Amino acid sequence: NELRVKSARLAELNIALNIDDKTPLEALAEEAPVRTEVAKSAKPSVLQKLHSYEKPSKAVPTEPKKSKEEVL
């Protein structure tokens, strides 16, 4: 009995969701947002940033690390 009630409810929901009798793919195609493509000139160039990157110069030279023997 419970199965019949749930099956009937499922059938009602399916009918309600598919009001215009379109297949799910057709309904999704109409609901899909239209994509606008951005021109390549508007995008920042990562490669250009990499090529123009300058490594920071070391202002303070570091002393060479001492070995364990020198510390003792």
PDB file of N, CA and C in Angstrom:
ATOM      1  N   ASN A   1       0.828  -1.197   0.000  1.00  0.00           N
ATOM      2  CA  ASN A   1       0.000   0.000   0.000  1.00  0.00           C
ATOM      3  C   ASN A   1       0.874   1.265   0.000  1.00  0.00           C
ATOM      4  N   GLU A   2       1.891   1.264   0.857  1.00  0.00           N
ATOM      5  CA  GLU A   2       2.790   2.421   0.946  1.00  0.00           C
ATOM      6  C   GLU A   2       3.511   2.648  -0.380  1.00  0.00           C
ATOM      7  N   LEU A   3       3.884   1.567  -1.037  1.00  0.00           N
ATOM      8  CA  LEU A   3       4.554   1.662  -2.327  1.00  0.00           C
ATOM      9  C   LEU A   3       3.650   2.307  -3.365  1.00  0.00           C
ATOM     10  N   ARG A   4       2.377   1.956  -3.370  1.00  0.00           N
ATOM     11  CA  ARG A   4       1.431   2.555  -4.326  1.00  0.00           C
ATOM     12  C   ARG A   4       1.266   4.046  -4.073  1.00  0.00           C
ATOM     13  N   VAL A   5       1.204   4.438  -2.812  1.00  0.00           N
ATOM     14  CA  VAL A   5       1.038   5.858  -2.475  1.00  0.00           C
ATOM     15  C   VAL A   5       2.260   6.649  -2.931  1.00  0.00           C
ATOM     16  N   LYS A   6       3.439   6.106  -2.660  1.00  0.00           N
ATOM     17  CA  LYS A   6       4.670   6.806  -3.054  1.00  0.00           C
ATOM     18  C   LYS A   6       4.832   6.837  -4.569  1.00  0.00           C
ATOM     19  N   SER A   7       4.461   5.767  -5.239  1.00  0.00           N
ATOM     20  CA  SER A   7       4.540   5.742  -6.705  1.00  0.00           C
ATOM     21  C   SER A   7       3.588   6.756  -7.318  1.00  0.00           C
ATOM     22  N   ALA A   8       2.398   6.878  -6.747  1.00  0.00           N
ATOM     23  CA  ALA A   8       1.434   7.859  -7.253  1.00  0.00           C
ATOM     24  C   ALA A   8       1.952   9.274  -7.033  1.00  0.00           C
ATOM     25  N   ARG A   9       2.541   9.511  -5.870  1.00  0.00           N
ATOM     26  CA  ARG A   9       3.102  10.846  -5.577  1.00  0.00           C
ATOM     27  C   ARG A   9       4.253  11.158  -6.524  1.00  0.00           C
ATOM     28  N   LEU A  10       5.086  10.176  -6.799  1.00  0.00           N
ATOM     29  CA  LEU A  10       6.193  10.353  -7.730  1.00  0.00           C
ATOM     30  C   LEU A  10       5.685  10.679  -9.125  1.00  0.00           C
ATOM     31  N   ALA A  11       4.644  10.013  -9.548  1.00  0.00           N
ATOM     32  CA  ALA A  11       4.055  10.285 -10.858  1.00  0.00           C
ATOM     33  C   ALA A  11       3.506  11.706 -10.913  1.00  0.00           C
ATOM     34  N   GLU A  12       2.864  12.150  -9.831  1.00  0.00           N
ATOM     35  CA  GLU A  12       2.346  13.526  -9.783  1.00  0.00           C
ATOM     36  C   GLU A  12       3.476  14.543  -9.880  1.00  0.00           C
ATOM     37  N   LEU A  13       4.556  14.290  -9.158  1.00  0.00           N
ATOM     38  CA  LEU A  13       5.692  15.217  -9.190  1.00  0.00           C
ATOM     39  C   LEU A  13       6.353  15.239 -10.563  1.00  0.00           C
ATOM     40  N   ASN A  14       6.465  14.087 -11.196  1.00  0.00           N
ATOM     41  CA  ASN A  14       7.040  14.035 -12.540  1.00  0.00           C
ATOM     42  C   ASN A  14       6.204  14.840 -13.523  1.00  0.00           C
ATOM     43  N   ILE A  15       4.896  14.727 -13.410  1.00  0.00           N
ATOM     44  CA  ILE A  15       4.009  15.493 -14.292  1.00  0.00           C
ATOM     45  C   ILE A  15       4.157  16.984 -14.016  1.00  0.00           C
ATOM     46  N   ALA A  16       4.244  17.357 -12.749  1.00  0.00           N
ATOM     47  CA  ALA A  16       4.365  18.773 -12.389  1.00  0.00           C
ATOM     48  C   ALA A  16       5.687  19.364 -12.867  1.00  0.00           C
ATOM     49  N   LEU A  17       6.749  18.593 -12.793  1.00  0.00           N
ATOM     50  CA  LEU A  17       8.058  19.093 -13.217  1.00  0.00           C
ATOM     51  C   LEU A  17       8.191  19.151 -14.729  1.00  0.00           C
ATOM     52  N   ASN A  18       7.489  18.308 -15.437  1.00  0.00           N
ATOM     53  CA  ASN A  18       7.584  18.261 -16.887  1.00  0.00           C
ATOM     54  C   ASN A  18       6.328  18.876 -17.491  1.00  0.00           C
ATOM     55  N   ILE A  19       6.061  20.126 -17.142  1.00  0.00           N
ATOM     56  CA  ILE A  19       4.825  20.803 -17.535  1.00  0.00           C
ATOM     57  C   ILE A  19       4.689  20.916 -19.050  1.00  0.00           C
ATOM     58  N   ASP A  20       5.767  21.319 -19.731  1.00  0.00           N
ATOM     59  CA  ASP A  20       5.667  21.571 -21.169  1.00  0.00           C
ATOM     60  C   ASP A  20       6.041  20.356 -22.017  1.00  0.00           C
ATOM     61  N   ASP A  21       6.161  19.189 -21.438  1.00  0.00           N
ATOM     62  CA  ASP A  21       6.446  17.929 -22.134  1.00  0.00           C
ATOM     63  C   ASP A  21       7.729  17.962 -22.961  1.00  0.00           C
ATOM     64  N   LYS A  22       8.726  18.680 -22.489  1.00  0.00           N
ATOM     65  CA  LYS A  22      10.027  18.670 -23.161  1.00  0.00           C
ATOM     66  C   LYS A  22      10.911  17.640 -22.480  1.00  0.00           C
ATOM     67  N   THR A  23      11.852  17.126 -23.243  1.00  0.00           N
ATOM     68  CA  THR A  23      12.794  16.198 -22.638  1.00  0.00           C
ATOM     69  C   THR A  23      13.698  16.983 -21.695  1.00  0.00           C
ATOM     70  N   PRO A  24      14.289  16.330 -20.724  1.00  0.00           N
ATOM     71  CA  PRO A  24      15.155  17.051 -19.787  1.00  0.00           C
ATOM     72  C   PRO A  24      16.302  17.792 -20.470  1.00  0.00           C
ATOM     73  N   LEU A  25      16.856  17.212 -21.538  1.00  0.00           N
ATOM     74  CA  LEU A  25      17.951  17.884 -22.234  1.00  0.00           C
ATOM     75  C   LEU A  25      17.476  19.158 -22.928  1.00  0.00           C
ATOM     76  N   GLU A  26      16.304  19.128 -23.510  1.00  0.00           N
ATOM     77  CA  GLU A  26      15.765  20.331 -24.155  1.00  0.00           C
ATOM     78  C   GLU A  26      15.509  21.421 -23.128  1.00  0.00           C
ATOM     79  N   ALA A  27      14.988  21.034 -21.976  1.00  0.00           N
ATOM     80  CA  ALA A  27      14.721  22.015 -20.926  1.00  0.00           C
ATOM     81  C   ALA A  27      16.022  22.624 -20.422  1.00  0.00           C
ATOM     82  N   LEU A  28      17.057  21.808 -20.260  1.00  0.00           N
ATOM     83  CA  LEU A  28      18.347  22.321 -19.802  1.00  0.00           C
ATOM     84  C   LEU A  28      18.976  23.240 -20.837  1.00  0.00           C
ATOM     85  N   ALA A  29      18.814  22.922 -22.116  1.00  0.00           N
ATOM     86  CA  ALA A  29      19.391  23.748 -23.169  1.00  0.00           C
ATOM     87  C   ALA A  29      18.787  25.142 -23.158  1.00  0.00           C
ATOM     88  N   GLU A  30      17.511  25.245 -22.869  1.00  0.00           N
ATOM     89  CA  GLU A  30      16.867  26.555 -22.827  1.00  0.00           C
ATOM     90  C   GLU A  30      17.242  27.332 -21.573  1.00  0.00           C
ATOM     91  N   GLU A  31      17.492  26.620 -20.475  1.00  0.00           N
ATOM     92  CA  GLU A  31      17.820  27.278 -19.222  1.00  0.00           C
ATOM     93  C   GLU A  31      19.289  27.659 -19.123  1.00  0.00           C
ATOM     94  N   ALA A  32      20.151  27.091 -19.960  1.00  0.00           N
ATOM     95  CA  ALA A  32      21.586  27.343 -19.873  1.00  0.00           C
ATOM     96  C   ALA A  32      21.881  28.814 -20.146  1.00  0.00           C
ATOM     97  N   PRO A  33      22.708  29.428 -19.311  1.00  0.00           N
ATOM     98  CA  PRO A  33      23.047  30.834 -19.535  1.00  0.00           C
ATOM     99  C   PRO A  33      23.916  30.999 -20.779  1.00  0.00           C
ATOM    100  N   VAL A  34      23.768  32.111 -21.434  1.00  0.00           N
ATOM    101  CA  VAL A  34      24.555  32.399 -22.627  1.00  0.00           C
ATOM    102  C   VAL A  34      25.929  32.872 -22.178  1.00  0.00           C
ATOM    103  N   ARG A  35      26.961  32.238 -22.703  1.00  0.00           N
ATOM    104  CA  ARG A  35      28.330  32.607 -22.333  1.00  0.00           C
ATOM    105  C   ARG A  35      28.826  33.715 -23.244  1.00  0.00           C
ATOM    106  N   THR A  36      29.424  34.705 -22.639  1.00  0.00           N
ATOM    107  CA  THR A  36      30.077  35.743 -23.425  1.00  0.00           C
ATOM    108  C   THR A  36      31.571  35.511 -23.322  1.00  0.00           C
ATOM    109  N   GLU A  37      32.224  35.484 -24.452  1.00  0.00           N
ATOM    110  CA  GLU A  37      33.652  35.207 -24.460  1.00  0.00           C
ATOM    111  C   GLU A  37      34.432  36.499 -24.317  1.00  0.00           C
ATOM    112  N   VAL A  38      35.489  36.432 -23.536  1.00  0.00           N
ATOM    113  CA  VAL A  38      36.345  37.584 -23.301  1.00  0.00           C
ATOM    114  C   VAL A  38      37.453  37.560 -24.337  1.00  0.00           C
ATOM    115  N   ALA A  39      37.728  38.719 -24.910  1.00  0.00           N
ATOM    116  CA  ALA A  39      38.788  38.802 -25.899  1.00  0.00           C
ATOM    117  C   ALA A  39      40.127  38.514 -25.232  1.00  0.00           C
ATOM    118  N   LYS A  40      41.050  37.924 -25.994  1.00  0.00           N
ATOM    119  CA  LYS A  40      42.347  37.580 -25.430  1.00  0.00           C
ATOM    120  C   LYS A  40      43.109  38.814 -24.963  1.00  0.00           C
ATOM    121  N   SER A  41      42.880  39.950 -25.591  1.00  0.00           N
ATOM    122  CA  SER A  41      43.603  41.157 -25.196  1.00  0.00           C
ATOM    123  C   SER A  41      43.170  41.647 -23.822  1.00  0.00           C
ATOM    124  N   ALA A  42      41.981  41.285 -23.381  1.00  0.00           N
ATOM    125  CA  ALA A  42      41.499  41.732 -22.077  1.00  0.00           C
ATOM    126  C   ALA A  42      42.035  40.861 -20.948  1.00  0.00           C
ATOM    127  N   LYS A  43      42.508  39.668 -21.269  1.00  0.00           N
ATOM    128  CA  LYS A  43      43.012  38.763 -20.246  1.00  0.00           C
ATOM    129  C   LYS A  43      44.453  39.139 -19.886  1.00  0.00           C
ATOM    130  N   PRO A  44      44.798  39.082 -18.608  1.00  0.00           N
ATOM    131  CA  PRO A  44      46.190  39.340 -18.236  1.00  0.00           C
ATOM    132  C   PRO A  44      47.069  38.174 -18.683  1.00  0.00           C
ATOM    133  N   SER A  45      48.249  38.490 -19.152  1.00  0.00           N
ATOM    134  CA  SER A  45      49.155  37.472 -19.645  1.00  0.00           C
ATOM    135  C   SER A  45      50.052  36.988 -18.515  1.00  0.00           C
ATOM    136  N   VAL A  46      49.914  35.734 -18.161  1.00  0.00           N
ATOM    137  CA  VAL A  46      50.737  35.164 -17.103  1.00  0.00           C
ATOM    138  C   VAL A  46      52.176  35.024 -17.584  1.00  0.00           C
ATOM    139  N   LEU A  47      52.355  34.623 -18.833  1.00  0.00           N
ATOM    140  CA  LEU A  47      53.707  34.475 -19.365  1.00  0.00           C
ATOM    141  C   LEU A  47      54.440  35.805 -19.396  1.00  0.00           C
ATOM    142  N   GLN A  48      53.735  36.861 -19.729  1.00  0.00           N
ATOM    143  CA  GLN A  48      54.365  38.175 -19.757  1.00  0.00           C
ATOM    144  C   GLN A  48      54.820  38.572 -18.353  1.00  0.00           C
ATOM    145  N   LYS A  49      54.017  38.280 -17.358  1.00  0.00           N
ATOM    146  CA  LYS A  49      54.406  38.579 -15.977  1.00  0.00           C
ATOM    147  C   LYS A  49      55.627  37.764 -15.570  1.00  0.00           C
ATOM    148  N   LEU A  50      55.681  36.499 -15.998  1.00  0.00           N
ATOM    149  CA  LEU A  50      56.828  35.665 -15.650  1.00  0.00           C
ATOM    150  C   LEU A  50      58.108  36.179 -16.300  1.00  0.00           C
ATOM    151  N   HIS A  51      58.016  36.593 -17.550  1.00  0.00           N
ATOM    152  CA  HIS A  51      59.198  37.073 -18.257  1.00  0.00           C
ATOM    153  C   HIS A  51      59.664  38.427 -17.735  1.00  0.00           C
ATOM    154  N   SER A  52      58.747  39.242 -17.263  1.00  0.00           N
ATOM    155  CA  SER A  52      59.132  40.568 -16.787  1.00  0.00           C
ATOM    156  C   SER A  52      59.483  40.575 -15.300  1.00  0.00           C
ATOM    157  N   TYR A  53      59.374  39.430 -14.635  1.00  0.00           N
ATOM    158  CA  TYR A  53      59.658  39.349 -13.206  1.00  0.00           C
ATOM    159  C   TYR A  53      61.152  39.496 -12.960  1.00  0.00           C
ATOM    160  N   GLU A  54      61.510  40.369 -12.035  1.00  0.00           N
ATOM    161  CA  GLU A  54      62.909  40.547 -11.653  1.00  0.00           C
ATOM    162  C   GLU A  54      63.080  40.018 -10.245  1.00  0.00           C
ATOM    163  N   LYS A  55      64.099  39.204 -10.071  1.00  0.00           N
ATOM    164  CA  LYS A  55      64.342  38.653  -8.745  1.00  0.00           C
ATOM    165  C   LYS A  55      64.850  39.757  -7.832  1.00  0.00           C
ATOM    166  N   PRO A  56      64.389  39.785  -6.597  1.00  0.00           N
ATOM    167  CA  PRO A  56      64.871  40.817  -5.681  1.00  0.00           C
ATOM    168  C   PRO A  56      66.343  40.591  -5.362  1.00  0.00           C
ATOM    169  N   SER A  57      67.086  41.679  -5.312  1.00  0.00           N
ATOM    170  CA  SER A  57      68.513  41.561  -5.017  1.00  0.00           C
ATOM    171  C   SER A  57      68.695  41.386  -3.520  1.00  0.00           C
ATOM    172  N   LYS A  58      69.725  40.664  -3.155  1.00  0.00           N
ATOM    173  CA  LYS A  58      69.996  40.440  -1.738  1.00  0.00           C
ATOM    174  C   LYS A  58      70.756  41.651  -1.205  1.00  0.00           C
ATOM    175  N   ALA A  59      70.152  42.369  -0.297  1.00  0.00           N
ATOM    176  CA  ALA A  59      70.764  43.569   0.260  1.00  0.00           C
ATOM    177  C   ALA A  59      71.821  43.207   1.295  1.00  0.00           C
ATOM    178  N   VAL A  60      71.564  42.202   2.098  1.00  0.00           N
ATOM    179  CA  VAL A  60      72.497  41.809   3.146  1.00  0.00           C
ATOM    180  C   VAL A  60      73.055  40.440   2.805  1.00  0.00           C
ATOM    181  N   PRO A  61      74.384  40.367   2.566  1.00  0.00           N
ATOM    182  CA  PRO A  61      74.950  39.050   2.275  1.00  0.00           C
ATOM    183  C   PRO A  61      74.917  38.183   3.533  1.00  0.00           C
ATOM    184  N   THR A  62      74.604  36.933   3.349  1.00  0.00           N
ATOM    185  CA  THR A  62      74.547  36.027   4.489  1.00  0.00           C
ATOM    186  C   THR A  62      75.907  35.391   4.702  1.00  0.00           C
ATOM    187  N   GLU A  63      76.214  35.123   5.950  1.00  0.00           N
ATOM    188  CA  GLU A  63      77.486  34.479   6.266  1.00  0.00           C
ATOM    189  C   GLU A  63      77.374  32.999   5.944  1.00  0.00           C
ATOM    190  N   PRO A  64      78.464  32.397   5.496  1.00  0.00           N
ATOM    191  CA  PRO A  64      78.407  30.962   5.224  1.00  0.00           C
ATOM    192  C   PRO A  64      78.128  30.206   6.520  1.00  0.00           C
ATOM    193  N   LYS A  65      77.349  29.176   6.424  1.00  0.00           N
ATOM    194  CA  LYS A  65      77.000  28.394   7.603  1.00  0.00           C
ATOM    195  C   LYS A  65      78.219  27.620   8.084  1.00  0.00           C
ATOM    196  N   LYS A  66      78.346  27.583   9.382  1.00  0.00           N
ATOM    197  CA  LYS A  66      79.477  26.871   9.974  1.00  0.00           C
ATOM    198  C   LYS A  66      79.116  25.403  10.134  1.00  0.00           C
ATOM    199  N   SER A  67      80.093  24.570   9.946  1.00  0.00           N
ATOM    200  CA  SER A  67      79.846  23.148  10.128  1.00  0.00           C
ATOM    201  C   SER A  67      79.804  22.828  11.613  1.00  0.00           C
ATOM    202  N   LYS A  68      79.386  21.662  11.961  1.00  0.00           N
ATOM    203  CA  LYS A  68      79.287  21.263  13.364  1.00  0.00           C
ATOM    204  C   LYS A  68      80.656  21.283  14.041  1.00  0.00           C
ATOM    205  N   GLU A  69      81.684  20.940  13.299  1.00  0.00           N
ATOM    206  CA  GLU A  69      83.027  20.902  13.880  1.00  0.00           C
ATOM    207  C   GLU A  69      83.505  22.296  14.251  1.00  0.00           C
ATOM    208  N   GLU A  70      83.182  23.308  13.446  1.00  0.00           N
ATOM    209  CA  GLU A  70      83.620  24.668  13.733  1.00  0.00           C
ATOM    210  C   GLU A  70      82.899  25.239  14.940  1.00  0.00           C
ATOM    211  N   VAL A  71      81.672  24.833  15.163  1.00  0.00           N
ATOM    212  CA  VAL A  71      80.892  25.355  16.277  1.00  0.00           C
ATOM    213  C   VAL A  71      81.476  24.860  17.593  1.00  0.00           C
ATOM    214  N   LEU A  72      81.916  23.624  17.647  1.00  0.00           N
ATOM    215  CA  LEU A  72      82.465  23.055  18.882  1.00  0.00           C
ATOM    216  C   LEU A  72      83.821  23.566  19.079  1.00  0.00           C
TER     217      LEU A  72
END
